[in-house]
N, C-alpha and C. Protein backbone atom coordinates (compact mmCIF):
# COMPACT_ATOMS: atom_id res chain seq x y z
N MET A 1 0.87 -1.27 0.00
CA MET A 1 -0.21 0.15 0.12
C MET A 1 0.97 1.10 -0.05
N TYR A 2 0.64 2.36 -0.61
CA TYR A 2 1.24 3.40 -0.73
C TYR A 2 2.64 3.13 -1.29
N ARG A 3 2.97 2.23 -2.45
CA ARG A 3 4.40 1.90 -2.62
C ARG A 3 5.24 3.10 -2.64
N GLN A 4 4.77 4.33 -3.26
CA GLN A 4 5.38 5.30 -3.59
C GLN A 4 6.30 5.99 -2.15
N TRP A 5 5.46 5.84 -1.15
CA TRP A 5 6.00 6.68 -0.10
C TRP A 5 6.63 5.53 0.94
N LEU A 6 6.01 4.68 0.93
CA LEU A 6 6.76 3.38 1.79
C LEU A 6 7.90 2.30 1.69
N ALA A 7 7.55 2.13 0.39
CA ALA A 7 8.48 1.04 -0.26
C ALA A 7 10.10 1.64 -0.21
N PRO A 8 10.94 0.58 0.15
CA PRO A 8 12.46 0.77 0.27
C PRO A 8 12.59 1.16 -1.29
N PRO A 9 14.06 1.84 -1.20
CA PRO A 9 14.59 2.52 -2.71
C PRO A 9 14.60 1.39 -3.69
N SER A 10 14.31 1.70 -4.75
CA SER A 10 14.84 0.60 -6.24
C SER A 10 16.10 1.20 -6.73
N TRP A 11 16.93 0.75 -6.44
CA TRP A 11 18.34 0.97 -6.72
C TRP A 11 18.33 1.34 -8.31
N SER A 12 17.74 0.27 -8.78
CA SER A 12 17.96 0.20 -10.34
C SER A 12 17.29 1.39 -11.01
N TYR A 13 15.77 1.97 -10.22
CA TYR A 13 15.08 3.24 -10.63
C TYR A 13 15.91 4.48 -10.29
N VAL A 14 16.60 4.04 -9.23
CA VAL A 14 17.48 5.46 -8.70
C VAL A 14 18.72 5.74 -9.61
N PHE A 15 19.61 4.59 -10.33
CA PHE A 15 20.54 5.00 -11.19
C PHE A 15 20.02 5.16 -12.53
N LYS A 16 18.65 4.79 -13.16
CA LYS A 16 18.39 4.79 -14.00
C LYS A 16 17.89 6.53 -14.04
N LYS A 17 17.49 7.05 -13.15
CA LYS A 17 16.82 8.50 -13.12
C LYS A 17 18.33 9.12 -12.83
N ALA A 18 19.21 9.01 -12.27
CA ALA A 18 20.47 9.07 -12.31
C ALA A 18 21.24 9.89 -13.21
N ARG A 19 21.21 8.97 -14.43
CA ARG A 19 21.80 9.51 -15.82
C ARG A 19 21.26 10.99 -16.29
N TYR A 20 20.19 11.38 -15.97
CA TYR A 20 19.35 12.61 -16.46
C TYR A 20 19.69 13.63 -15.38
N PHE A 21 20.37 13.48 -14.44
CA PHE A 21 20.41 14.51 -13.42
C PHE A 21 21.67 15.51 -13.52
N PRO A 22 21.54 16.62 -13.49
CA PRO A 22 22.49 17.81 -13.57
C PRO A 22 23.59 17.49 -12.97
N PHE A 23 24.84 16.73 -13.53
CA PHE A 23 25.62 16.44 -12.80
C PHE A 23 26.68 17.74 -11.73
N ALA A 24 26.08 18.55 -12.02
CA ALA A 24 26.70 19.66 -10.99
C ALA A 24 25.99 19.97 -9.75
N ALA A 25 24.75 19.48 -9.75
CA ALA A 25 24.11 19.16 -8.36
C ALA A 25 23.91 17.67 -8.01
N ALA A 26 24.88 16.60 -8.45
CA ALA A 26 24.48 15.63 -8.27
C ALA A 26 24.96 15.12 -7.01
N TRP A 27 26.18 15.68 -6.67
CA TRP A 27 26.99 15.35 -5.43
C TRP A 27 26.02 15.82 -4.28
N GLY A 28 25.54 16.99 -3.94
CA GLY A 28 25.08 17.60 -3.04
C GLY A 28 23.03 16.66 -2.90
N TYR A 29 22.81 16.54 -3.79
CA TYR A 29 21.77 15.85 -3.73
C TYR A 29 22.12 14.21 -3.38
N ALA A 30 23.01 13.60 -3.90
CA ALA A 30 23.27 12.46 -3.75
C ALA A 30 23.65 12.01 -1.99
N LEU A 31 24.38 12.98 -1.43
CA LEU A 31 24.73 13.01 -0.01
C LEU A 31 23.05 13.33 0.80
N SER A 32 22.14 14.15 0.48
CA SER A 32 21.02 14.33 1.01
C SER A 32 20.46 12.96 1.04
N TYR A 33 20.45 12.32 -0.21
CA TYR A 33 19.84 11.35 -0.38
C TYR A 33 20.11 10.09 0.37
N ALA A 34 21.69 10.20 0.76
CA ALA A 34 22.01 8.81 1.27
C ALA A 34 21.89 9.07 2.77
N ARG A 35 21.97 10.83 3.15
CA ARG A 35 21.89 10.82 4.83
C ARG A 35 20.30 10.93 5.10
N ASP A 36 19.41 10.60 4.24
CA ASP A 36 17.68 10.44 4.45
C ASP A 36 17.85 8.94 4.52
N LEU A 37 18.49 8.01 3.45
CA LEU A 37 18.12 6.69 3.61
C LEU A 37 18.87 6.57 5.12
N VAL A 38 19.93 6.35 5.50
CA VAL A 38 20.92 6.19 6.60
C VAL A 38 19.45 6.46 8.17
N ARG A 39 19.45 7.64 8.25
CA ARG A 39 18.54 8.07 9.18
C ARG A 39 16.98 7.42 8.83
N LYS A 40 16.60 7.01 7.64
CA LYS A 40 15.04 6.18 7.86
C LYS A 40 15.49 4.66 8.44
N SER A 41 16.95 4.18 8.20
CA SER A 41 17.12 2.94 8.42
C SER A 41 17.51 2.95 10.10
N VAL A 42 17.98 4.07 10.42
CA VAL A 42 18.38 3.42 12.02
C VAL A 42 17.10 4.27 12.91
N SER A 43 16.23 4.75 12.14
CA SER A 43 15.21 5.55 13.48
C SER A 43 14.39 3.97 13.41
N ARG A 44 13.92 4.57 15.14
CA ARG A 44 12.92 3.33 15.38
C ARG A 44 11.67 3.45 15.04
N GLY A 45 10.70 2.16 14.55
CA GLY A 45 9.82 2.13 13.85
C GLY A 45 9.57 3.00 12.50
N HIS A 46 8.14 2.97 12.05
CA HIS A 46 8.30 3.53 10.41
C HIS A 46 8.42 5.13 10.76
N GLN A 47 9.08 5.75 10.25
CA GLN A 47 9.03 7.20 10.02
C GLN A 47 8.89 7.82 8.62
N THR A 48 7.99 8.25 8.17
CA THR A 48 7.62 8.98 6.80
C THR A 48 8.13 10.13 6.75
N GLY A 49 9.13 10.56 5.53
CA GLY A 49 9.74 11.80 5.48
C GLY A 49 8.50 13.01 4.37
N THR A 50 8.71 14.14 4.86
CA THR A 50 7.73 15.00 4.32
C THR A 50 8.66 16.08 3.08
N TRP A 51 7.85 16.44 2.15
CA TRP A 51 8.48 17.37 1.13
C TRP A 51 7.56 18.34 1.26
N GLY A 52 8.07 19.65 0.51
CA GLY A 52 7.13 20.88 0.45
C GLY A 52 6.44 21.23 1.62
N PRO A 53 5.93 22.43 2.00
CA PRO A 53 5.56 22.97 2.68
C PRO A 53 4.96 22.16 3.72
N ARG A 54 5.35 22.15 5.22
CA ARG A 54 4.97 21.44 6.28
C ARG A 54 3.84 21.99 6.97
N TYR A 55 2.53 21.64 6.87
CA TYR A 55 1.95 22.60 7.76
C TYR A 55 1.76 22.26 9.17
N GLU A 56 1.37 23.15 9.92
CA GLU A 56 1.27 22.96 11.32
C GLU A 56 0.60 22.13 11.88
N GLY A 57 1.16 21.17 12.47
CA GLY A 57 0.51 19.66 12.78
C GLY A 57 0.64 18.73 12.33
N ILE A 58 1.44 18.81 11.11
CA ILE A 58 1.96 17.66 9.99
C ILE A 58 2.48 16.37 11.35
N ASP A 59 3.62 16.44 11.93
CA ASP A 59 3.98 15.38 12.63
C ASP A 59 3.25 14.93 13.34
N ALA A 60 2.56 15.21 14.15
CA ALA A 60 1.15 14.56 14.98
C ALA A 60 0.36 13.98 13.71
N ASP A 61 -0.16 14.46 12.69
CA ASP A 61 -1.10 13.94 11.88
C ASP A 61 -0.56 12.44 11.14
N LEU A 62 0.96 12.56 11.34
CA LEU A 62 1.68 11.48 10.32
C LEU A 62 1.62 10.08 11.54
N THR A 63 1.46 10.23 12.98
CA THR A 63 1.40 9.58 13.93
C THR A 63 0.03 9.20 14.29
N ALA A 64 -1.21 10.09 13.68
CA ALA A 64 -2.48 9.35 13.87
C ALA A 64 -3.65 9.41 12.77
N ARG A 65 -3.05 9.78 11.67
CA ARG A 65 -3.92 10.04 10.69
C ARG A 65 -3.46 8.77 9.38
N ASP A 66 -4.05 8.24 8.48
CA ASP A 66 -3.67 7.77 7.37
C ASP A 66 -2.54 8.65 6.38
N LEU A 67 -1.69 7.90 6.11
CA LEU A 67 -0.75 8.56 5.07
C LEU A 67 -1.58 9.25 3.82
N LEU A 68 -2.28 8.56 3.42
CA LEU A 68 -2.90 9.14 2.04
C LEU A 68 -3.75 10.49 2.93
N GLU A 69 -4.35 10.72 3.85
CA GLU A 69 -5.31 11.71 4.47
C GLU A 69 -4.26 12.76 4.85
N VAL A 70 -3.04 12.26 5.28
CA VAL A 70 -2.12 13.59 5.35
C VAL A 70 -1.35 14.26 4.28
N CYS A 71 -1.04 12.91 3.04
CA CYS A 71 -0.80 13.95 1.91
C CYS A 71 -1.76 14.69 1.38
N ALA A 72 -2.99 14.44 1.54
CA ALA A 72 -3.84 15.14 0.59
C ALA A 72 -4.09 16.59 1.50
N ARG A 73 -3.97 16.63 2.90
CA ARG A 73 -3.94 17.64 3.71
C ARG A 73 -2.82 18.52 3.46
N GLN A 74 -1.75 18.10 3.12
CA GLN A 74 -0.42 18.65 2.90
C GLN A 74 -0.74 19.23 1.64
N TRP A 75 -1.16 18.56 0.50
CA TRP A 75 -1.54 18.98 -0.91
C TRP A 75 -2.46 20.30 -0.83
N VAL A 76 -3.31 20.54 0.09
CA VAL A 76 -4.34 21.46 -0.17
C VAL A 76 -3.38 22.66 0.90
N ARG A 77 -2.75 22.42 1.58
CA ARG A 77 -2.12 23.25 2.19
C ARG A 77 -0.86 24.21 1.24
N SER A 78 -0.58 23.15 0.67
CA SER A 78 0.76 24.05 -0.62
C SER A 78 -0.31 24.59 -1.35
N VAL A 79 -1.34 23.91 -2.18
CA VAL A 79 -1.97 24.83 -3.43
C VAL A 79 -2.89 25.94 -2.77
N GLU A 80 -3.42 25.84 -1.44
CA GLU A 80 -4.08 27.37 -0.84
C GLU A 80 -2.70 28.17 -0.63
N ARG A 81 -1.39 27.59 -0.31
CA ARG A 81 -0.75 28.81 -0.24
C ARG A 81 -0.23 29.45 -1.53
N ALA A 82 -0.02 28.46 -2.25
CA ALA A 82 0.07 28.89 -3.93
C ALA A 82 -0.89 30.16 -4.53
N MET A 83 -1.72 29.64 -4.18
CA MET A 83 -2.83 30.31 -4.74
C MET A 83 -3.16 31.53 -4.07
N THR A 84 -2.91 31.82 -2.87
CA THR A 84 -2.87 33.12 -1.88
C THR A 84 -1.97 34.11 -2.34
N HIS A 85 -0.49 33.52 -2.64
CA HIS A 85 0.63 34.07 -3.00
C HIS A 85 0.70 34.59 -4.52
N LEU A 86 -0.20 33.69 -5.53
CA LEU A 86 -0.24 34.24 -6.69
C LEU A 86 -1.41 35.26 -6.78
N GLY A 87 -1.78 35.13 -5.62
CA GLY A 87 -2.98 36.49 -6.32
C GLY A 87 -2.54 37.56 -5.53
N ASP A 88 -1.15 37.47 -4.90
CA ASP A 88 -0.71 39.01 -4.31
C ASP A 88 -0.22 39.66 -5.57
N LEU A 89 0.46 38.70 -6.73
CA LEU A 89 1.06 39.05 -8.01
C LEU A 89 0.33 39.93 -8.97
N PRO A 90 0.58 40.59 -9.63
CA PRO A 90 -0.17 41.52 -11.24
C PRO A 90 -0.46 40.27 -11.96
N ALA A 91 -1.95 40.30 -12.32
CA ALA A 91 -2.66 39.57 -13.31
C ALA A 91 -1.66 39.10 -14.60
N ASP A 92 -0.89 39.80 -15.06
CA ASP A 92 0.04 39.92 -15.94
C ASP A 92 1.33 39.31 -15.85
N ARG A 93 1.64 38.87 -14.63
CA ARG A 93 2.76 38.35 -14.41
C ARG A 93 2.74 36.44 -13.80
N VAL A 94 1.32 36.28 -13.77
CA VAL A 94 1.08 35.05 -13.54
C VAL A 94 0.17 34.17 -14.61
N ILE A 95 0.80 33.08 -15.01
CA ILE A 95 -0.14 32.27 -15.91
C ILE A 95 -0.64 30.91 -15.27
N THR A 96 -1.44 30.54 -15.59
CA THR A 96 -2.28 28.85 -15.22
C THR A 96 -2.18 28.07 -16.60
N VAL A 97 -1.44 26.93 -16.23
CA VAL A 97 -1.55 25.89 -17.21
C VAL A 97 -2.29 24.70 -16.53
N ARG A 98 -3.07 24.10 -16.67
CA ARG A 98 -3.56 22.68 -16.29
C ARG A 98 -2.98 21.52 -16.74
N TYR A 99 -2.49 20.47 -16.00
CA TYR A 99 -1.87 19.66 -16.61
C TYR A 99 -2.69 18.91 -17.63
N GLU A 100 -3.55 18.53 -17.16
CA GLU A 100 -4.89 18.25 -18.05
C GLU A 100 -5.04 18.37 -19.54
N ASP A 101 -4.93 19.63 -19.59
CA ASP A 101 -5.17 20.86 -20.84
C ASP A 101 -3.57 20.81 -21.42
N PHE A 102 -2.82 20.56 -20.63
CA PHE A 102 -1.35 20.36 -21.33
C PHE A 102 -0.91 19.17 -22.23
N VAL A 103 -1.26 18.22 -21.25
CA VAL A 103 -1.19 16.96 -22.00
C VAL A 103 -2.15 16.45 -23.39
N ARG A 104 -3.26 17.31 -23.14
CA ARG A 104 -3.95 17.14 -24.33
C ARG A 104 -3.51 17.87 -25.65
N GLN A 105 -3.09 18.93 -25.23
CA GLN A 105 -2.66 19.82 -26.37
C GLN A 105 -1.53 20.54 -26.01
N PRO A 106 -0.12 19.56 -26.10
CA PRO A 106 1.18 20.22 -25.51
C PRO A 106 1.78 21.33 -26.41
N LEU A 107 1.56 21.23 -27.77
CA LEU A 107 1.77 22.55 -28.48
C LEU A 107 1.15 24.05 -28.26
N LEU A 108 0.08 23.72 -28.09
CA LEU A 108 -1.11 24.82 -27.93
C LEU A 108 -0.19 25.69 -26.60
N HIS A 109 -0.08 24.62 -25.55
CA HIS A 109 -0.05 25.50 -23.95
C HIS A 109 1.42 25.85 -24.35
N LEU A 110 2.13 25.46 -24.75
CA LEU A 110 3.99 25.55 -25.05
C LEU A 110 3.88 26.68 -25.73
N GLU A 111 3.18 27.18 -26.90
CA GLU A 111 2.94 28.40 -27.36
C GLU A 111 2.57 29.54 -27.02
N ARG A 112 1.50 29.42 -25.75
CA ARG A 112 0.84 30.13 -25.37
C ARG A 112 1.82 30.51 -24.20
N LEU A 113 2.65 29.35 -23.13
CA LEU A 113 3.85 29.98 -22.33
C LEU A 113 4.85 30.61 -23.16
N ALA A 114 5.18 30.19 -24.18
CA ALA A 114 6.10 31.30 -24.96
C ALA A 114 5.71 32.89 -25.28
N ARG A 115 4.65 32.64 -25.58
CA ARG A 115 4.04 34.04 -25.79
C ARG A 115 4.01 34.92 -24.26
N PHE A 116 3.98 34.21 -23.21
CA PHE A 116 3.30 34.90 -21.91
C PHE A 116 5.20 35.36 -21.80
N LEU A 117 6.33 34.43 -21.99
CA LEU A 117 7.29 34.76 -21.45
C LEU A 117 8.15 35.51 -22.32
N GLY A 118 7.30 35.92 -23.42
CA GLY A 118 7.86 36.77 -24.28
C GLY A 118 9.23 36.06 -25.24
N ILE A 119 9.04 34.72 -25.46
CA ILE A 119 9.77 33.94 -26.00
C ILE A 119 9.77 34.10 -27.77
N ALA A 120 10.56 34.39 -28.61
CA ALA A 120 10.31 34.42 -30.08
C ALA A 120 9.87 33.37 -30.49
N PRO A 121 8.79 33.56 -31.57
CA PRO A 121 8.24 32.18 -32.56
C PRO A 121 9.64 31.04 -32.58
N PRO A 122 10.43 31.68 -33.57
CA PRO A 122 11.42 30.48 -34.08
C PRO A 122 11.96 29.67 -32.88
N VAL A 123 12.20 30.09 -31.67
CA VAL A 123 12.63 29.22 -30.54
C VAL A 123 11.55 28.25 -30.15
N TYR A 124 10.05 28.33 -30.13
CA TYR A 124 9.02 27.02 -30.06
C TYR A 124 8.44 26.63 -31.36
N GLY A 125 8.99 27.30 -32.56
CA GLY A 125 8.12 27.05 -33.50
C GLY A 125 8.51 25.50 -34.08
N ARG A 126 10.01 25.07 -33.90
CA ARG A 126 10.30 24.10 -34.27
C ARG A 126 9.15 22.73 -34.28
N GLU A 127 9.69 22.09 -35.19
CA GLU A 127 8.77 20.53 -34.90
C GLU A 127 9.48 19.97 -33.74
N TYR A 128 8.25 19.63 -32.81
CA TYR A 128 8.65 18.49 -31.60
C TYR A 128 7.83 17.47 -31.76
N ASP A 129 8.64 16.54 -31.19
CA ASP A 129 8.03 15.12 -30.68
C ASP A 129 7.08 15.12 -29.59
N PHE A 130 5.82 15.31 -29.94
CA PHE A 130 5.34 15.15 -28.56
C PHE A 130 4.66 13.72 -28.00
N SER A 131 5.07 12.52 -28.95
CA SER A 131 4.53 11.16 -28.78
C SER A 131 4.83 10.57 -27.51
N PHE A 132 5.90 11.28 -26.73
CA PHE A 132 5.68 10.96 -25.32
C PHE A 132 4.95 11.64 -24.13
N VAL A 133 4.22 12.42 -24.78
CA VAL A 133 3.09 13.37 -23.77
C VAL A 133 1.51 12.60 -24.25
N SER A 134 0.81 12.30 -22.97
CA SER A 134 0.06 11.41 -23.28
C SER A 134 -0.95 12.04 -22.20
N ALA A 135 -2.33 12.13 -22.44
CA ALA A 135 -3.31 12.09 -21.44
C ALA A 135 -3.90 10.81 -20.62
N GLN A 136 -3.31 9.69 -21.49
CA GLN A 136 -3.81 8.56 -21.11
C GLN A 136 -3.54 8.24 -19.24
N ASN A 137 -2.64 8.83 -18.37
CA ASN A 137 -2.48 8.82 -17.56
C ASN A 137 -3.04 9.72 -16.40
N ILE A 138 -3.75 10.67 -16.95
CA ILE A 138 -4.99 11.84 -16.32
C ILE A 138 -5.55 10.98 -15.40
N GLY A 139 -5.33 10.85 -13.98
CA GLY A 139 -6.24 10.58 -12.92
C GLY A 139 -5.73 9.01 -12.46
N LYS A 140 -4.85 8.42 -13.45
CA LYS A 140 -4.51 7.05 -13.40
C LYS A 140 -4.16 6.45 -11.58
N GLY A 141 -3.44 7.59 -10.85
CA GLY A 141 -3.23 7.06 -9.64
C GLY A 141 -4.36 6.87 -8.89
N PHE A 142 -5.26 7.98 -8.58
CA PHE A 142 -6.25 8.12 -8.13
C PHE A 142 -7.10 6.93 -8.15
N ARG A 143 -7.35 6.72 -9.70
CA ARG A 143 -8.40 5.37 -9.98
C ARG A 143 -7.57 3.89 -9.41
N ARG A 144 -6.30 3.77 -9.06
CA ARG A 144 -5.72 2.87 -8.89
C ARG A 144 -6.05 2.65 -7.17
N LEU A 145 -6.39 3.47 -6.35
CA LEU A 145 -6.98 3.30 -5.26
C LEU A 145 -8.43 2.64 -4.71
N ASP A 146 -8.86 2.18 -3.84
CA ASP A 146 -10.13 1.63 -3.86
C ASP A 146 -11.14 3.06 -3.61
N ALA A 147 -12.31 2.90 -3.23
CA ALA A 147 -13.15 3.66 -3.21
C ALA A 147 -12.89 3.95 -2.01
N ALA A 148 -12.96 3.58 -0.55
CA ALA A 148 -12.62 4.14 0.69
C ALA A 148 -11.45 5.03 0.72
N GLN A 149 -10.43 4.41 0.02
CA GLN A 149 -9.23 5.40 -0.28
C GLN A 149 -9.72 6.84 -1.17
N GLN A 150 -10.23 6.69 -1.75
CA GLN A 150 -10.61 7.89 -2.57
C GLN A 150 -11.43 8.86 -2.00
N ALA A 151 -11.90 8.13 -1.25
CA ALA A 151 -13.47 9.36 -0.45
C ALA A 151 -12.63 9.82 0.49
N LEU A 152 -11.63 8.95 1.32
CA LEU A 152 -10.86 9.48 2.34
C LEU A 152 -9.58 10.69 1.68
N ILE A 153 -9.54 10.38 0.65
CA ILE A 153 -8.72 11.71 -0.30
C ILE A 153 -9.54 12.93 -0.53
N LEU A 154 -10.74 12.61 -1.15
CA LEU A 154 -11.77 13.91 -1.58
C LEU A 154 -12.11 14.31 -0.13
N SER A 155 -12.38 13.81 0.75
CA SER A 155 -13.12 14.65 1.77
C SER A 155 -11.81 15.69 2.54
N GLN A 156 -10.81 15.57 2.15
CA GLN A 156 -9.94 16.39 2.26
C GLN A 156 -9.39 17.51 1.58
N ILE A 157 -9.92 16.99 -0.08
CA ILE A 157 -9.53 18.25 -0.87
C ILE A 157 -10.58 18.47 -1.86
N ASP A 158 -11.74 18.10 -1.72
CA ASP A 158 -12.95 18.48 -2.49
C ASP A 158 -13.14 20.02 -2.50
N GLU A 159 -12.73 20.82 -1.41
CA GLU A 159 -13.20 22.13 -1.22
C GLU A 159 -12.28 23.02 -2.41
N THR A 160 -11.18 22.62 -2.50
CA THR A 160 -10.11 23.10 -3.12
C THR A 160 -10.46 22.80 -4.46
N LEU A 161 -10.51 21.69 -4.89
CA LEU A 161 -10.84 21.13 -6.18
C LEU A 161 -12.23 21.98 -6.78
N LYS A 162 -13.02 22.38 -5.90
CA LYS A 162 -14.27 22.97 -6.30
C LYS A 162 -13.67 24.46 -6.39
N ARG A 163 -12.89 25.14 -5.79
CA ARG A 163 -12.58 26.83 -5.82
C ARG A 163 -11.09 26.49 -7.65
N LEU A 164 -10.85 25.26 -7.56
CA LEU A 164 -9.96 25.35 -8.79
C LEU A 164 -10.80 24.97 -10.07
N ASP A 165 -11.95 24.39 -9.83
CA ASP A 165 -12.96 23.87 -11.14
C ASP A 165 -12.27 22.55 -11.44
N TYR A 166 -12.18 21.82 -10.39
CA TYR A 166 -11.53 20.36 -11.02
C TYR A 166 -12.50 19.69 -10.48
N LEU A 167 -13.31 19.57 -9.69
CA LEU A 167 -14.26 18.71 -9.02
C LEU A 167 -14.82 17.77 -10.24
N ASP A 168 -15.65 18.43 -10.81
CA ASP A 168 -15.94 17.64 -12.07
C ASP A 168 -15.13 16.83 -12.77
N ASP A 169 -13.78 17.08 -12.76
CA ASP A 169 -12.80 16.50 -13.63
C ASP A 169 -12.75 14.99 -12.89
N VAL A 170 -13.07 14.79 -11.67
CA VAL A 170 -12.45 13.97 -10.87
C VAL A 170 -13.00 12.76 -11.31
N LYS A 171 -13.14 11.54 -11.62
CA LYS A 171 -13.79 10.31 -12.04
C LYS A 171 -13.39 9.36 -10.66
N VAL A 172 -14.41 9.26 -10.09
CA VAL A 172 -14.25 8.34 -8.71
C VAL A 172 -14.46 6.94 -9.12
N VAL A 173 -13.99 6.29 -9.65
CA VAL A 173 -13.75 4.80 -9.95
C VAL A 173 -12.87 4.30 -9.84
N PRO A 174 -12.77 3.14 -8.34
CA PRO A 174 -11.53 2.20 -8.58
C PRO A 174 -11.10 2.16 -9.64
N ALA A 175 -9.88 1.39 -9.91
CA ALA A 175 -9.42 0.54 -11.10
C ALA A 175 -9.95 -0.35 -10.92
N SER A 176 -10.66 -1.31 -10.28
CA SER A 176 -10.81 -2.93 -10.44
C SER A 176 -12.64 -2.61 -10.86
N HIS A 177 -13.03 -0.89 -11.13
CA HIS A 177 -14.14 -1.00 -11.57
C HIS A 177 -14.05 -0.36 -12.96
N GLU A 178 -12.97 -0.08 -13.28
CA GLU A 178 -12.89 0.92 -14.48
C GLU A 178 -13.55 0.22 -15.69
N ALA A 179 -13.45 -0.55 -16.11
CA ALA A 179 -13.79 -1.50 -17.15
C ALA A 179 -15.22 -1.29 -17.31
N THR A 180 -15.94 -1.46 -16.37
CA THR A 180 -17.33 -1.60 -16.17
C THR A 180 -17.86 0.30 -16.68
N TRP A 181 -16.99 1.17 -15.83
CA TRP A 181 -17.36 2.59 -15.90
C TRP A 181 -16.97 2.71 -17.66
N ASN A 182 -16.07 2.52 -18.35
CA ASN A 182 -15.73 2.80 -19.43
C ASN A 182 -16.91 2.23 -20.20
N SER A 183 -17.36 1.40 -20.09
CA SER A 183 -18.55 0.79 -21.25
C SER A 183 -19.84 1.37 -20.97
N HIS A 184 -19.92 1.84 -19.54
CA HIS A 184 -21.07 2.82 -19.65
C HIS A 184 -20.83 4.24 -19.96
N ALA A 185 -19.76 4.72 -19.89
CA ALA A 185 -19.54 6.10 -20.25
C ALA A 185 -19.24 6.05 -21.54
N SER A 186 -19.00 4.92 -22.52
CA SER A 186 -19.07 5.28 -23.84
C SER A 186 -20.31 5.02 -24.78
N GLU A 187 -21.64 4.41 -24.03
CA GLU A 187 -22.82 4.21 -24.25
C GLU A 187 -23.73 5.75 -24.90
């Protein structure tokens, strides 16, 4: 359960990813990664690390709440904080690109970003291979969860999803029921 958070490191994956990591930053990152691995291996009991903004009470939540719930709460705090601070900036200094829109129409959104940044058309006007960009993964991780796990997450994030006009985009169907869902959706 929650393999990406609780599983031991996959060394083949780490080395595969390291090939694309900027060499200049590799040593600092490698030392930090090694330190975290040692800390986790010598700590008593299971200890889950955190990343991103740490909300007040997260350490207590990690001991008392389900990890999915803590992740959802942290996501809400991170997104709410970003929305607050982006709202402080002039509108002409902020652009929003939804992941779902980008993977459906990558060239359109790259051009939109380039215009926003003032990048000349020849820079982004070349032919690019977007075959690796796919909308097939939208919601995939969420659908892999069972109905109770989905409900737990949604209980924490639904208000934020509404504010971002995302709630209608969330298809609450566990992967085990997806074939049935898709057959009904196509009727």
